[in-house]
């Protein structure tokens, strides 16, 4: 297992932001210019080929998306047996974290967030990208400025349309509560940009009501 704090050459790490089943996310600064950064690492000390491919995929797709609505990707650097993905730090927390704790945003706040996210998906559509994992945990908001940015292109596709096949009935790409029916591979139907709008609709529902439209485990 990876310890809760790491040493990455060229960076000063001072905070663990996220400790998930597959990844670790740290906040720090780049030593050459004191630039605030967020660094994502694979948790597995001996990552599989698919895990490495996922990391390279999100770097390849996100590095050319120069928009204030998408977290900027600075570099993909070798780290131990895997990679360190270095990204912009704008002081954001996930919408999931921001929404938790009984906090209810005003309707105006919701509409501002909703418009920003619709504009973000329009950018992805123009770039022929399907994100495939739109959910509150992958949307960051700065609590002070209310600036919103999309993150995590690890399973995104650089395709206007994708044929989704059911490879393993117990393994799905994405998060079940948010993905569209066609993304499950059980619909005999390809997926396109509309799958992200379905997931965004579920996200809006949850932001407004505090619950998911469909419960799943």
N, C-alpha and C. Protein backbone atom coordinates (compact mmCIF):
# COMPACT_ATOMS: atom_id res chain seq x y z
N UNK A 1 0.84 -1.20 0.00
CA UNK A 1 0.00 0.00 0.00
C UNK A 1 0.88 1.26 0.00
N UNK A 2 0.34 2.35 -0.56
CA UNK A 2 1.06 3.60 -0.59
C UNK A 2 0.76 4.38 0.69
N UNK A 3 1.78 5.00 1.24
CA UNK A 3 1.58 5.76 2.47
C UNK A 3 0.73 6.99 2.19
N UNK A 4 0.22 7.59 3.26
CA UNK A 4 -0.70 8.72 3.09
C UNK A 4 0.01 9.96 2.55
N UNK A 5 1.33 10.06 2.68
CA UNK A 5 2.07 11.19 2.14
C UNK A 5 3.25 10.66 1.35
N UNK A 6 3.55 11.31 0.23
CA UNK A 6 4.58 10.80 -0.66
C UNK A 6 5.61 11.88 -0.93
N UNK A 7 6.71 11.47 -1.53
CA UNK A 7 7.76 12.39 -1.97
C UNK A 7 7.88 12.29 -3.48
N UNK A 8 7.60 13.38 -4.17
CA UNK A 8 7.65 13.42 -5.62
C UNK A 8 8.71 14.43 -6.03
N UNK A 9 9.76 13.98 -6.73
CA UNK A 9 10.84 14.90 -7.12
C UNK A 9 10.31 16.11 -7.89
N UNK A 10 10.75 17.30 -7.47
CA UNK A 10 10.35 18.53 -8.14
C UNK A 10 9.10 19.18 -7.57
N UNK A 11 8.49 18.50 -6.57
CA UNK A 11 7.25 19.03 -6.00
C UNK A 11 7.29 18.96 -4.48
N UNK A 12 6.66 19.92 -3.84
CA UNK A 12 6.51 19.91 -2.38
C UNK A 12 5.05 19.59 -2.07
N UNK A 13 4.82 18.42 -1.49
CA UNK A 13 3.47 17.93 -1.21
C UNK A 13 3.10 18.28 0.23
N UNK A 14 1.89 18.81 0.42
CA UNK A 14 1.50 19.17 1.78
C UNK A 14 0.09 18.74 2.20
N UNK A 15 -0.66 18.12 1.29
CA UNK A 15 -2.03 17.73 1.69
C UNK A 15 -2.52 16.57 0.84
N UNK A 16 -3.17 15.61 1.48
CA UNK A 16 -3.84 14.52 0.78
C UNK A 16 -5.30 14.91 0.57
N UNK A 17 -5.71 15.07 -0.69
CA UNK A 17 -7.06 15.50 -1.00
C UNK A 17 -8.03 14.34 -1.14
N UNK A 18 -7.54 13.21 -1.67
CA UNK A 18 -8.44 12.11 -1.98
C UNK A 18 -7.70 10.79 -1.87
N UNK A 19 -8.32 9.84 -1.19
CA UNK A 19 -7.75 8.50 -1.04
C UNK A 19 -8.81 7.51 -1.48
N UNK A 20 -8.76 7.13 -2.76
CA UNK A 20 -9.77 6.25 -3.31
C UNK A 20 -9.28 4.82 -3.42
N UNK A 21 -10.10 3.99 -4.04
CA UNK A 21 -9.74 2.58 -4.19
C UNK A 21 -8.61 2.38 -5.19
N UNK A 22 -8.51 3.30 -6.16
CA UNK A 22 -7.50 3.13 -7.21
C UNK A 22 -6.49 4.27 -7.29
N UNK A 23 -6.87 5.44 -6.81
CA UNK A 23 -6.00 6.61 -6.97
C UNK A 23 -5.85 7.40 -5.67
N UNK A 24 -4.76 8.16 -5.64
CA UNK A 24 -4.49 9.11 -4.57
C UNK A 24 -4.31 10.48 -5.20
N UNK A 25 -4.85 11.53 -4.57
CA UNK A 25 -4.73 12.88 -5.10
C UNK A 25 -4.16 13.78 -4.02
N UNK A 26 -3.08 14.49 -4.37
CA UNK A 26 -2.38 15.36 -3.42
C UNK A 26 -2.39 16.80 -3.91
N UNK A 27 -2.29 17.71 -2.95
CA UNK A 27 -2.12 19.13 -3.26
C UNK A 27 -0.69 19.52 -2.89
N UNK A 28 -0.07 20.33 -3.74
CA UNK A 28 1.29 20.76 -3.47
C UNK A 28 1.68 21.94 -4.35
N UNK A 29 2.99 22.19 -4.45
CA UNK A 29 3.50 23.26 -5.31
C UNK A 29 4.68 22.72 -6.11
N UNK A 30 4.83 23.25 -7.32
CA UNK A 30 5.98 22.91 -8.14
C UNK A 30 7.15 23.76 -7.69
N UNK A 31 8.27 23.13 -7.38
CA UNK A 31 9.39 23.81 -6.74
C UNK A 31 10.06 24.83 -7.65
N UNK A 32 10.04 24.63 -8.96
CA UNK A 32 10.74 25.54 -9.87
C UNK A 32 10.11 26.93 -9.91
N UNK A 33 8.78 27.02 -9.76
CA UNK A 33 8.12 28.32 -9.87
C UNK A 33 7.03 28.55 -8.83
N UNK A 34 6.94 27.66 -7.82
CA UNK A 34 5.94 27.77 -6.75
C UNK A 34 4.50 27.74 -7.27
N UNK A 35 4.29 27.08 -8.40
CA UNK A 35 2.96 26.97 -8.97
C UNK A 35 2.13 25.97 -8.17
N UNK A 36 0.93 26.37 -7.68
CA UNK A 36 0.07 25.40 -6.97
C UNK A 36 -0.39 24.31 -7.94
N UNK A 37 -0.31 23.07 -7.51
CA UNK A 37 -0.69 21.95 -8.36
C UNK A 37 -1.47 20.91 -7.57
N UNK A 38 -2.19 20.08 -8.31
CA UNK A 38 -2.81 18.88 -7.78
C UNK A 38 -2.19 17.71 -8.53
N UNK A 39 -1.77 16.68 -7.79
CA UNK A 39 -1.08 15.55 -8.40
C UNK A 39 -1.85 14.26 -8.11
N UNK A 40 -2.16 13.54 -9.18
CA UNK A 40 -2.90 12.30 -9.08
C UNK A 40 -1.96 11.13 -9.32
N UNK A 41 -2.01 10.14 -8.43
CA UNK A 41 -1.16 8.95 -8.52
C UNK A 41 -2.01 7.70 -8.51
N UNK A 42 -1.47 6.64 -9.10
CA UNK A 42 -2.10 5.33 -8.97
C UNK A 42 -1.77 4.76 -7.60
N UNK A 43 -2.77 4.20 -6.96
CA UNK A 43 -2.58 3.68 -5.61
C UNK A 43 -1.81 2.35 -5.63
N UNK A 44 -2.06 1.56 -6.66
CA UNK A 44 -1.40 0.26 -6.79
C UNK A 44 0.09 0.46 -7.07
N UNK A 45 0.99 -0.05 -6.22
CA UNK A 45 2.43 0.12 -6.45
C UNK A 45 2.91 -0.61 -7.70
N UNK A 46 2.14 -1.58 -8.15
CA UNK A 46 2.45 -2.31 -9.39
C UNK A 46 1.21 -2.28 -10.29
N UNK A 47 0.95 -1.13 -10.92
CA UNK A 47 -0.29 -0.96 -11.69
C UNK A 47 -0.35 -1.88 -12.91
N UNK A 48 -1.56 -2.25 -13.27
CA UNK A 48 -1.80 -3.09 -14.44
C UNK A 48 -1.65 -2.25 -15.70
N UNK A 49 -1.61 -2.93 -16.83
CA UNK A 49 -1.51 -2.23 -18.11
C UNK A 49 -2.73 -1.33 -18.32
N UNK A 50 -3.92 -1.81 -17.94
CA UNK A 50 -5.13 -1.02 -18.13
C UNK A 50 -5.13 0.24 -17.26
N UNK A 51 -4.58 0.15 -16.06
CA UNK A 51 -4.48 1.32 -15.19
C UNK A 51 -3.53 2.36 -15.78
N UNK A 52 -2.40 1.89 -16.31
CA UNK A 52 -1.44 2.80 -16.94
C UNK A 52 -2.05 3.44 -18.19
N UNK A 53 -2.79 2.63 -18.95
CA UNK A 53 -3.44 3.13 -20.16
C UNK A 53 -4.47 4.19 -19.82
N UNK A 54 -5.21 3.99 -18.73
CA UNK A 54 -6.21 4.94 -18.29
C UNK A 54 -5.57 6.28 -17.95
N UNK A 55 -4.43 6.25 -17.28
CA UNK A 55 -3.71 7.48 -16.93
C UNK A 55 -3.25 8.21 -18.18
N UNK A 56 -2.68 7.48 -19.12
CA UNK A 56 -2.21 8.10 -20.35
C UNK A 56 -3.38 8.66 -21.16
N UNK A 57 -4.49 7.96 -21.10
CA UNK A 57 -5.68 8.39 -21.83
C UNK A 57 -6.18 9.74 -21.32
N UNK A 58 -6.28 9.88 -20.00
CA UNK A 58 -6.80 11.15 -19.49
C UNK A 58 -5.84 12.30 -19.74
N UNK A 59 -4.52 12.01 -19.77
CA UNK A 59 -3.55 13.06 -20.08
C UNK A 59 -3.66 13.45 -21.55
N UNK A 60 -3.71 12.46 -22.43
CA UNK A 60 -3.76 12.71 -23.88
C UNK A 60 -4.98 13.53 -24.26
N UNK A 61 -6.13 13.21 -23.67
CA UNK A 61 -7.36 13.91 -24.01
C UNK A 61 -7.41 15.30 -23.37
N UNK A 62 -7.04 15.39 -22.10
CA UNK A 62 -7.23 16.65 -21.36
C UNK A 62 -6.18 17.71 -21.67
N UNK A 63 -4.99 17.31 -22.12
CA UNK A 63 -3.90 18.28 -22.28
C UNK A 63 -4.21 19.34 -23.33
N UNK A 64 -5.07 19.02 -24.31
CA UNK A 64 -5.38 19.97 -25.37
C UNK A 64 -6.69 20.72 -25.15
N UNK A 65 -7.33 20.51 -24.01
CA UNK A 65 -8.58 21.19 -23.70
C UNK A 65 -8.28 22.47 -22.91
N UNK A 66 -8.00 23.54 -23.61
CA UNK A 66 -7.63 24.80 -22.97
C UNK A 66 -8.88 25.65 -22.75
N UNK A 67 -9.56 25.34 -21.67
CA UNK A 67 -10.78 26.07 -21.34
C UNK A 67 -10.83 26.33 -19.84
N UNK A 68 -11.33 27.52 -19.42
CA UNK A 68 -11.48 27.79 -17.98
C UNK A 68 -12.53 26.91 -17.32
N UNK A 69 -13.28 26.13 -18.12
CA UNK A 69 -14.30 25.24 -17.57
C UNK A 69 -13.78 23.83 -17.32
N UNK A 70 -12.52 23.59 -17.68
CA UNK A 70 -11.92 22.26 -17.53
C UNK A 70 -10.58 22.41 -16.83
N UNK A 71 -10.33 21.58 -15.80
CA UNK A 71 -9.06 21.65 -15.07
C UNK A 71 -7.91 21.40 -16.03
N UNK A 72 -6.95 22.31 -16.02
CA UNK A 72 -5.82 22.21 -16.95
C UNK A 72 -4.85 21.11 -16.52
N UNK A 73 -4.35 20.38 -17.51
CA UNK A 73 -3.40 19.31 -17.27
C UNK A 73 -2.01 19.80 -17.68
N UNK A 74 -1.07 19.78 -16.74
CA UNK A 74 0.26 20.32 -17.00
C UNK A 74 1.23 19.28 -17.56
N UNK A 75 1.29 18.11 -16.93
CA UNK A 75 2.27 17.11 -17.36
C UNK A 75 1.92 15.73 -16.84
N UNK A 76 2.48 14.73 -17.52
CA UNK A 76 2.40 13.34 -17.07
C UNK A 76 3.83 12.87 -16.88
N UNK A 77 4.20 12.59 -15.63
CA UNK A 77 5.59 12.32 -15.30
C UNK A 77 5.75 10.91 -14.72
N UNK A 78 6.86 10.23 -15.05
CA UNK A 78 7.11 8.91 -14.48
C UNK A 78 7.22 9.01 -12.96
N UNK A 79 6.59 8.05 -12.27
CA UNK A 79 6.69 8.00 -10.81
C UNK A 79 6.66 6.54 -10.39
N UNK A 80 7.76 6.07 -9.82
CA UNK A 80 7.90 4.68 -9.42
C UNK A 80 7.54 3.77 -10.59
N UNK A 81 6.54 2.90 -10.43
CA UNK A 81 6.17 1.99 -11.52
C UNK A 81 5.00 2.52 -12.36
N UNK A 82 4.62 3.76 -12.11
CA UNK A 82 3.48 4.32 -12.83
C UNK A 82 3.73 5.75 -13.25
N UNK A 83 2.71 6.58 -13.08
CA UNK A 83 2.77 7.98 -13.50
C UNK A 83 2.27 8.90 -12.40
N UNK A 84 2.69 10.16 -12.50
CA UNK A 84 2.12 11.25 -11.72
C UNK A 84 1.49 12.22 -12.70
N UNK A 85 0.19 12.43 -12.55
CA UNK A 85 -0.53 13.36 -13.42
C UNK A 85 -0.61 14.70 -12.70
N UNK A 86 0.03 15.72 -13.25
CA UNK A 86 0.12 17.03 -12.61
C UNK A 86 -0.89 17.97 -13.25
N UNK A 87 -1.74 18.55 -12.40
CA UNK A 87 -2.84 19.38 -12.89
C UNK A 87 -2.94 20.70 -12.15
N UNK A 88 -3.75 21.57 -12.69
CA UNK A 88 -4.03 22.88 -12.11
C UNK A 88 -4.71 22.75 -10.74
N UNK A 89 -4.35 23.65 -9.83
CA UNK A 89 -5.04 23.75 -8.54
C UNK A 89 -5.67 25.13 -8.45
N UNK A 90 -6.99 25.21 -8.53
CA UNK A 90 -7.67 26.51 -8.44
C UNK A 90 -8.46 26.63 -7.13
N UNK A 91 -8.12 25.76 -6.17
CA UNK A 91 -8.78 25.82 -4.86
C UNK A 91 -10.14 25.19 -4.84
N UNK A 92 -10.39 24.25 -5.76
CA UNK A 92 -11.70 23.65 -5.87
C UNK A 92 -11.90 22.43 -4.99
N UNK A 93 -13.15 22.16 -4.65
CA UNK A 93 -13.55 20.92 -4.00
C UNK A 93 -14.65 20.32 -4.87
N UNK A 94 -14.92 19.03 -4.72
CA UNK A 94 -15.92 18.40 -5.57
C UNK A 94 -17.32 18.92 -5.23
N UNK A 95 -18.18 18.93 -6.26
CA UNK A 95 -19.58 19.30 -6.02
C UNK A 95 -20.21 18.38 -5.00
N UNK A 96 -19.77 17.11 -5.00
CA UNK A 96 -20.30 16.16 -4.02
C UNK A 96 -19.96 16.61 -2.61
N UNK A 97 -18.72 17.02 -2.40
CA UNK A 97 -18.29 17.49 -1.07
C UNK A 97 -18.95 18.81 -0.73
N UNK A 98 -19.08 19.69 -1.70
CA UNK A 98 -19.68 21.01 -1.49
C UNK A 98 -21.15 20.89 -1.12
N UNK A 99 -21.82 19.90 -1.72
CA UNK A 99 -23.26 19.71 -1.51
C UNK A 99 -23.58 18.98 -0.21
N UNK A 100 -22.60 18.20 0.30
CA UNK A 100 -22.80 17.42 1.52
C UNK A 100 -22.79 18.35 2.74
N UNK A 101 -23.36 17.89 3.82
CA UNK A 101 -23.33 18.67 5.06
C UNK A 101 -24.56 19.53 5.24
N UNK A 102 -25.64 19.17 4.53
CA UNK A 102 -26.88 19.90 4.71
C UNK A 102 -26.94 21.22 3.98
N UNK A 103 -25.88 21.56 3.23
CA UNK A 103 -25.86 22.84 2.54
C UNK A 103 -26.76 22.80 1.32
N UNK A 104 -27.64 23.78 1.18
CA UNK A 104 -28.51 23.86 0.01
C UNK A 104 -28.18 25.15 -0.74
N UNK A 105 -27.80 25.00 -2.01
CA UNK A 105 -27.50 26.18 -2.80
C UNK A 105 -28.80 26.88 -3.19
N UNK A 106 -28.70 28.17 -3.46
CA UNK A 106 -29.88 28.90 -3.93
C UNK A 106 -30.15 28.50 -5.38
N UNK A 107 -31.36 28.82 -5.86
CA UNK A 107 -31.70 28.50 -7.24
C UNK A 107 -30.77 29.23 -8.20
N UNK A 108 -30.39 30.46 -7.86
CA UNK A 108 -29.47 31.21 -8.71
C UNK A 108 -28.12 30.52 -8.78
N UNK A 109 -27.62 30.04 -7.63
CA UNK A 109 -26.35 29.31 -7.61
C UNK A 109 -26.43 28.06 -8.48
N UNK A 110 -27.54 27.34 -8.34
CA UNK A 110 -27.71 26.13 -9.14
C UNK A 110 -27.70 26.46 -10.64
N UNK A 111 -28.43 27.51 -11.03
CA UNK A 111 -28.52 27.86 -12.45
C UNK A 111 -27.15 28.28 -13.00
N UNK A 112 -26.37 28.98 -12.20
CA UNK A 112 -25.03 29.38 -12.65
C UNK A 112 -24.15 28.16 -12.86
N UNK A 113 -24.24 27.20 -11.93
CA UNK A 113 -23.48 25.95 -12.06
C UNK A 113 -23.97 25.17 -13.28
N UNK A 114 -25.29 25.09 -13.44
CA UNK A 114 -25.88 24.32 -14.54
C UNK A 114 -25.47 24.89 -15.89
N UNK A 115 -25.50 26.20 -16.03
CA UNK A 115 -25.12 26.83 -17.30
C UNK A 115 -23.65 26.57 -17.60
N UNK A 116 -22.79 26.68 -16.58
CA UNK A 116 -21.36 26.42 -16.77
C UNK A 116 -21.13 24.98 -17.23
N UNK A 117 -21.85 24.04 -16.64
CA UNK A 117 -21.66 22.63 -17.00
C UNK A 117 -22.20 22.34 -18.40
N UNK A 118 -23.30 22.97 -18.79
CA UNK A 118 -23.81 22.81 -20.16
C UNK A 118 -22.79 23.37 -21.16
N UNK A 119 -22.18 24.49 -20.83
CA UNK A 119 -21.15 25.05 -21.69
C UNK A 119 -19.95 24.13 -21.79
N UNK A 120 -19.63 23.45 -20.68
CA UNK A 120 -18.51 22.51 -20.67
C UNK A 120 -18.79 21.34 -21.61
N UNK A 121 -19.99 20.79 -21.54
CA UNK A 121 -20.34 19.68 -22.42
C UNK A 121 -20.39 20.12 -23.88
N UNK A 122 -20.74 21.37 -24.13
CA UNK A 122 -20.71 21.89 -25.50
C UNK A 122 -19.28 21.89 -26.03
N UNK A 123 -18.32 22.23 -25.17
CA UNK A 123 -16.90 22.20 -25.57
C UNK A 123 -16.49 20.78 -25.91
N UNK A 124 -16.88 19.82 -25.08
CA UNK A 124 -16.53 18.42 -25.35
C UNK A 124 -17.16 17.96 -26.66
N UNK A 125 -18.39 18.37 -26.91
CA UNK A 125 -19.06 17.99 -28.15
C UNK A 125 -18.30 18.55 -29.36
N UNK A 126 -17.89 19.81 -29.25
CA UNK A 126 -17.14 20.43 -30.36
C UNK A 126 -15.81 19.72 -30.59
N UNK A 127 -15.21 19.19 -29.52
CA UNK A 127 -13.94 18.49 -29.63
C UNK A 127 -14.11 16.99 -29.89
N UNK A 128 -15.37 16.55 -30.06
CA UNK A 128 -15.69 15.15 -30.35
C UNK A 128 -15.23 14.21 -29.23
N UNK A 129 -15.47 14.67 -27.99
CA UNK A 129 -15.07 13.90 -26.81
C UNK A 129 -16.31 13.47 -26.03
N UNK A 130 -16.36 12.21 -25.64
CA UNK A 130 -17.39 11.71 -24.72
C UNK A 130 -16.70 11.46 -23.38
N UNK A 131 -17.14 12.14 -22.33
CA UNK A 131 -16.50 12.04 -21.02
C UNK A 131 -16.79 10.69 -20.35
N UNK A 132 -18.06 10.31 -20.33
CA UNK A 132 -18.56 9.01 -19.84
C UNK A 132 -18.56 8.84 -18.32
N UNK A 133 -18.21 9.89 -17.56
CA UNK A 133 -18.27 9.76 -16.10
C UNK A 133 -18.63 11.09 -15.46
N UNK A 134 -19.66 11.75 -16.01
CA UNK A 134 -20.14 13.01 -15.43
C UNK A 134 -20.89 12.70 -14.14
N UNK A 135 -20.43 13.29 -13.04
CA UNK A 135 -21.07 13.11 -11.74
C UNK A 135 -20.50 14.18 -10.80
N UNK A 136 -21.16 14.46 -9.66
CA UNK A 136 -20.69 15.51 -8.76
C UNK A 136 -19.25 15.33 -8.29
N UNK A 137 -18.78 14.08 -8.15
CA UNK A 137 -17.42 13.85 -7.69
C UNK A 137 -16.38 14.28 -8.72
N UNK A 138 -16.78 14.39 -10.00
CA UNK A 138 -15.86 14.79 -11.06
C UNK A 138 -16.06 16.22 -11.52
N UNK A 139 -16.78 16.99 -10.71
CA UNK A 139 -16.98 18.41 -10.98
C UNK A 139 -16.47 19.19 -9.77
N UNK A 140 -15.54 20.10 -9.99
CA UNK A 140 -14.97 20.89 -8.90
C UNK A 140 -15.57 22.28 -8.87
N UNK A 141 -15.72 22.82 -7.67
CA UNK A 141 -16.19 24.19 -7.50
C UNK A 141 -15.33 24.89 -6.46
N UNK A 142 -14.94 26.11 -6.76
CA UNK A 142 -14.24 26.92 -5.77
C UNK A 142 -15.30 27.51 -4.84
N UNK A 143 -15.27 27.19 -3.54
CA UNK A 143 -16.34 27.63 -2.62
C UNK A 143 -16.47 29.15 -2.53
N UNK A 144 -15.37 29.88 -2.81
CA UNK A 144 -15.41 31.34 -2.70
C UNK A 144 -15.90 32.00 -3.99
N UNK A 145 -15.28 31.62 -5.12
CA UNK A 145 -15.60 32.27 -6.39
C UNK A 145 -16.76 31.61 -7.13
N UNK A 146 -17.10 30.37 -6.74
CA UNK A 146 -18.13 29.54 -7.39
C UNK A 146 -17.72 29.14 -8.82
N UNK A 147 -16.44 29.28 -9.14
CA UNK A 147 -15.96 28.80 -10.44
C UNK A 147 -16.05 27.28 -10.50
N UNK A 148 -16.52 26.76 -11.63
CA UNK A 148 -16.76 25.33 -11.79
C UNK A 148 -15.86 24.78 -12.89
N UNK A 149 -15.28 23.59 -12.64
CA UNK A 149 -14.41 22.95 -13.63
C UNK A 149 -14.64 21.44 -13.62
N UNK A 150 -14.54 20.85 -14.80
CA UNK A 150 -14.69 19.40 -14.96
C UNK A 150 -13.34 18.72 -14.87
N UNK A 151 -13.30 17.52 -14.25
CA UNK A 151 -12.06 16.75 -14.12
C UNK A 151 -12.29 15.31 -14.57
N UNK A 152 -11.18 14.54 -14.60
CA UNK A 152 -11.14 13.09 -14.76
C UNK A 152 -11.64 12.59 -16.12
N UNK A 153 -10.70 12.52 -17.05
CA UNK A 153 -10.99 12.00 -18.39
C UNK A 153 -10.43 10.59 -18.57
N UNK A 154 -10.37 9.83 -17.47
CA UNK A 154 -9.71 8.53 -17.50
C UNK A 154 -10.42 7.51 -18.38
N UNK A 155 -11.75 7.63 -18.55
CA UNK A 155 -12.45 6.67 -19.43
C UNK A 155 -13.09 7.38 -20.61
N UNK A 156 -12.68 8.62 -20.87
CA UNK A 156 -13.24 9.39 -21.97
C UNK A 156 -12.82 8.80 -23.32
N UNK A 157 -13.61 9.11 -24.34
CA UNK A 157 -13.34 8.63 -25.70
C UNK A 157 -13.19 9.81 -26.65
N UNK A 158 -12.19 9.74 -27.52
CA UNK A 158 -12.02 10.73 -28.58
C UNK A 158 -12.78 10.25 -29.81
N UNK A 159 -14.06 10.09 -29.66
CA UNK A 159 -14.89 9.56 -30.73
C UNK A 159 -16.23 10.29 -30.73
N UNK A 160 -16.81 10.53 -31.91
CA UNK A 160 -18.16 11.10 -31.93
C UNK A 160 -19.21 10.08 -31.55
N UNK A 161 -18.85 8.79 -31.67
CA UNK A 161 -19.79 7.72 -31.34
C UNK A 161 -18.99 6.48 -30.99
N UNK A 162 -19.48 5.69 -30.05
CA UNK A 162 -18.76 4.50 -29.61
C UNK A 162 -19.73 3.34 -29.48
N UNK A 163 -19.28 2.17 -29.92
CA UNK A 163 -20.09 0.97 -29.74
C UNK A 163 -19.77 0.36 -28.39
N UNK A 164 -20.77 0.30 -27.53
CA UNK A 164 -20.57 -0.19 -26.16
C UNK A 164 -20.95 -1.66 -26.12
N UNK A 165 -20.01 -2.52 -25.72
CA UNK A 165 -20.29 -3.95 -25.63
C UNK A 165 -20.22 -4.40 -24.19
N UNK A 166 -20.99 -5.40 -23.86
CA UNK A 166 -21.03 -5.94 -22.51
C UNK A 166 -19.95 -7.01 -22.39
N UNK A 167 -18.80 -6.63 -21.84
CA UNK A 167 -17.67 -7.55 -21.73
C UNK A 167 -17.80 -8.39 -20.47
N UNK A 168 -18.07 -7.74 -19.36
CA UNK A 168 -18.22 -8.42 -18.07
C UNK A 168 -19.46 -7.85 -17.39
N UNK A 169 -20.47 -8.65 -17.14
CA UNK A 169 -21.71 -8.11 -16.56
C UNK A 169 -21.52 -7.52 -15.17
N UNK A 170 -20.40 -7.83 -14.51
CA UNK A 170 -20.16 -7.32 -13.16
C UNK A 170 -19.25 -6.09 -13.15
N UNK A 171 -18.76 -5.68 -14.31
CA UNK A 171 -17.86 -4.53 -14.39
C UNK A 171 -18.41 -3.53 -15.40
N UNK A 172 -18.59 -2.29 -14.96
CA UNK A 172 -19.09 -1.24 -15.83
C UNK A 172 -18.12 -0.08 -15.84
N UNK A 173 -17.98 0.59 -17.00
CA UNK A 173 -17.23 1.83 -17.06
C UNK A 173 -18.15 2.96 -16.61
N UNK A 174 -17.66 3.75 -15.66
CA UNK A 174 -18.50 4.82 -15.15
C UNK A 174 -19.11 4.45 -13.82
N UNK A 175 -20.04 5.27 -13.36
CA UNK A 175 -20.69 5.06 -12.07
C UNK A 175 -22.16 4.78 -12.30
N UNK A 176 -22.63 3.62 -11.85
CA UNK A 176 -23.93 3.09 -12.24
C UNK A 176 -25.08 4.07 -12.04
N UNK A 177 -25.08 4.79 -10.94
CA UNK A 177 -26.20 5.69 -10.65
C UNK A 177 -26.30 6.85 -11.65
N UNK A 178 -25.23 7.13 -12.38
CA UNK A 178 -25.19 8.30 -13.27
C UNK A 178 -25.15 7.95 -14.75
N UNK A 179 -24.74 6.74 -15.12
CA UNK A 179 -24.55 6.44 -16.54
C UNK A 179 -25.87 6.16 -17.25
N UNK A 180 -25.88 6.47 -18.53
CA UNK A 180 -27.07 6.26 -19.34
C UNK A 180 -27.30 4.77 -19.58
N UNK A 181 -28.54 4.37 -19.90
CA UNK A 181 -28.82 2.94 -20.15
C UNK A 181 -27.93 2.36 -21.25
N UNK A 182 -27.69 3.13 -22.32
CA UNK A 182 -26.88 2.57 -23.41
C UNK A 182 -25.42 2.37 -23.01
N UNK A 183 -24.98 3.13 -21.98
CA UNK A 183 -23.58 2.98 -21.55
C UNK A 183 -23.34 1.70 -20.77
N UNK A 184 -24.39 1.05 -20.34
CA UNK A 184 -24.23 -0.22 -19.61
C UNK A 184 -23.89 -1.37 -20.53
N UNK A 185 -24.07 -1.19 -21.85
CA UNK A 185 -23.82 -2.27 -22.79
C UNK A 185 -24.97 -3.24 -22.90
N UNK A 186 -26.09 -2.92 -22.25
CA UNK A 186 -27.23 -3.84 -22.23
C UNK A 186 -28.36 -3.40 -23.18
N UNK A 187 -28.09 -2.39 -24.00
CA UNK A 187 -29.15 -1.82 -24.83
C UNK A 187 -29.00 -2.13 -26.31
N UNK A 188 -27.90 -2.78 -26.70
CA UNK A 188 -27.61 -3.01 -28.12
C UNK A 188 -27.66 -1.70 -28.90
N UNK A 189 -27.05 -0.67 -28.30
CA UNK A 189 -27.08 0.66 -28.89
C UNK A 189 -25.76 1.36 -28.60
N UNK A 190 -25.19 2.01 -29.63
CA UNK A 190 -23.94 2.74 -29.43
C UNK A 190 -24.16 3.98 -28.57
N UNK A 191 -23.08 4.52 -28.04
CA UNK A 191 -23.19 5.74 -27.23
C UNK A 191 -22.58 6.91 -27.99
N UNK A 192 -23.12 8.09 -27.75
CA UNK A 192 -22.56 9.31 -28.32
C UNK A 192 -22.62 10.40 -27.25
N UNK A 193 -22.50 11.66 -27.68
CA UNK A 193 -22.42 12.76 -26.73
C UNK A 193 -23.62 12.83 -25.79
N UNK A 194 -24.75 12.25 -26.19
CA UNK A 194 -25.97 12.36 -25.37
C UNK A 194 -25.85 11.61 -24.05
N UNK A 195 -24.95 10.63 -23.99
CA UNK A 195 -24.78 9.90 -22.73
C UNK A 195 -24.30 10.83 -21.62
N UNK A 196 -23.45 11.83 -21.98
CA UNK A 196 -22.99 12.80 -20.98
C UNK A 196 -24.11 13.71 -20.52
N UNK A 197 -25.04 14.04 -21.43
CA UNK A 197 -26.17 14.89 -21.03
C UNK A 197 -27.13 14.13 -20.11
N UNK A 198 -27.26 12.83 -20.32
CA UNK A 198 -28.06 12.01 -19.39
C UNK A 198 -27.44 12.09 -17.99
N UNK A 199 -26.13 11.87 -17.90
CA UNK A 199 -25.43 11.92 -16.60
C UNK A 199 -25.52 13.30 -15.97
N UNK A 200 -25.47 14.33 -16.81
CA UNK A 200 -25.60 15.69 -16.29
C UNK A 200 -27.00 15.92 -15.73
N UNK A 201 -28.01 15.35 -16.38
CA UNK A 201 -29.37 15.46 -15.86
C UNK A 201 -29.52 14.81 -14.50
N UNK A 202 -28.90 13.65 -14.32
CA UNK A 202 -28.92 12.99 -13.01
C UNK A 202 -28.22 13.88 -11.97
N UNK A 203 -27.10 14.48 -12.37
CA UNK A 203 -26.37 15.38 -11.48
C UNK A 203 -27.23 16.57 -11.07
N UNK A 204 -27.92 17.17 -12.03
CA UNK A 204 -28.81 18.30 -11.72
C UNK A 204 -29.91 17.88 -10.75
N UNK A 205 -30.49 16.72 -10.99
CA UNK A 205 -31.55 16.20 -10.12
C UNK A 205 -31.04 16.08 -8.68
N UNK A 206 -29.83 15.53 -8.55
CA UNK A 206 -29.27 15.34 -7.22
C UNK A 206 -28.95 16.67 -6.54
N UNK A 207 -28.45 17.63 -7.30
CA UNK A 207 -28.14 18.94 -6.74
C UNK A 207 -29.40 19.64 -6.23
N UNK A 208 -30.50 19.48 -6.96
CA UNK A 208 -31.74 20.16 -6.60
C UNK A 208 -32.51 19.47 -5.48
N UNK A 209 -32.45 18.14 -5.43
CA UNK A 209 -33.28 17.40 -4.48
C UNK A 209 -32.49 16.78 -3.33
N UNK A 210 -31.17 16.58 -3.53
CA UNK A 210 -30.37 15.93 -2.50
C UNK A 210 -30.39 14.42 -2.56
N UNK A 211 -31.12 13.86 -3.52
CA UNK A 211 -31.18 12.41 -3.68
C UNK A 211 -30.99 12.07 -5.15
N UNK A 212 -30.67 10.80 -5.42
CA UNK A 212 -30.54 10.33 -6.79
C UNK A 212 -31.91 9.91 -7.33
N UNK A 213 -32.14 10.06 -8.65
CA UNK A 213 -33.43 9.61 -9.20
C UNK A 213 -33.60 8.10 -9.16
N UNK A 214 -32.49 7.36 -9.28
CA UNK A 214 -32.52 5.89 -9.23
C UNK A 214 -31.43 5.41 -8.29
N UNK A 215 -31.79 4.61 -7.33
CA UNK A 215 -30.82 4.10 -6.37
C UNK A 215 -30.23 2.80 -6.90
N UNK A 216 -28.94 2.58 -6.64
CA UNK A 216 -28.27 1.37 -7.13
C UNK A 216 -27.10 1.06 -6.21
N UNK A 217 -26.64 -0.19 -6.30
CA UNK A 217 -25.44 -0.57 -5.56
C UNK A 217 -24.58 -1.46 -6.46
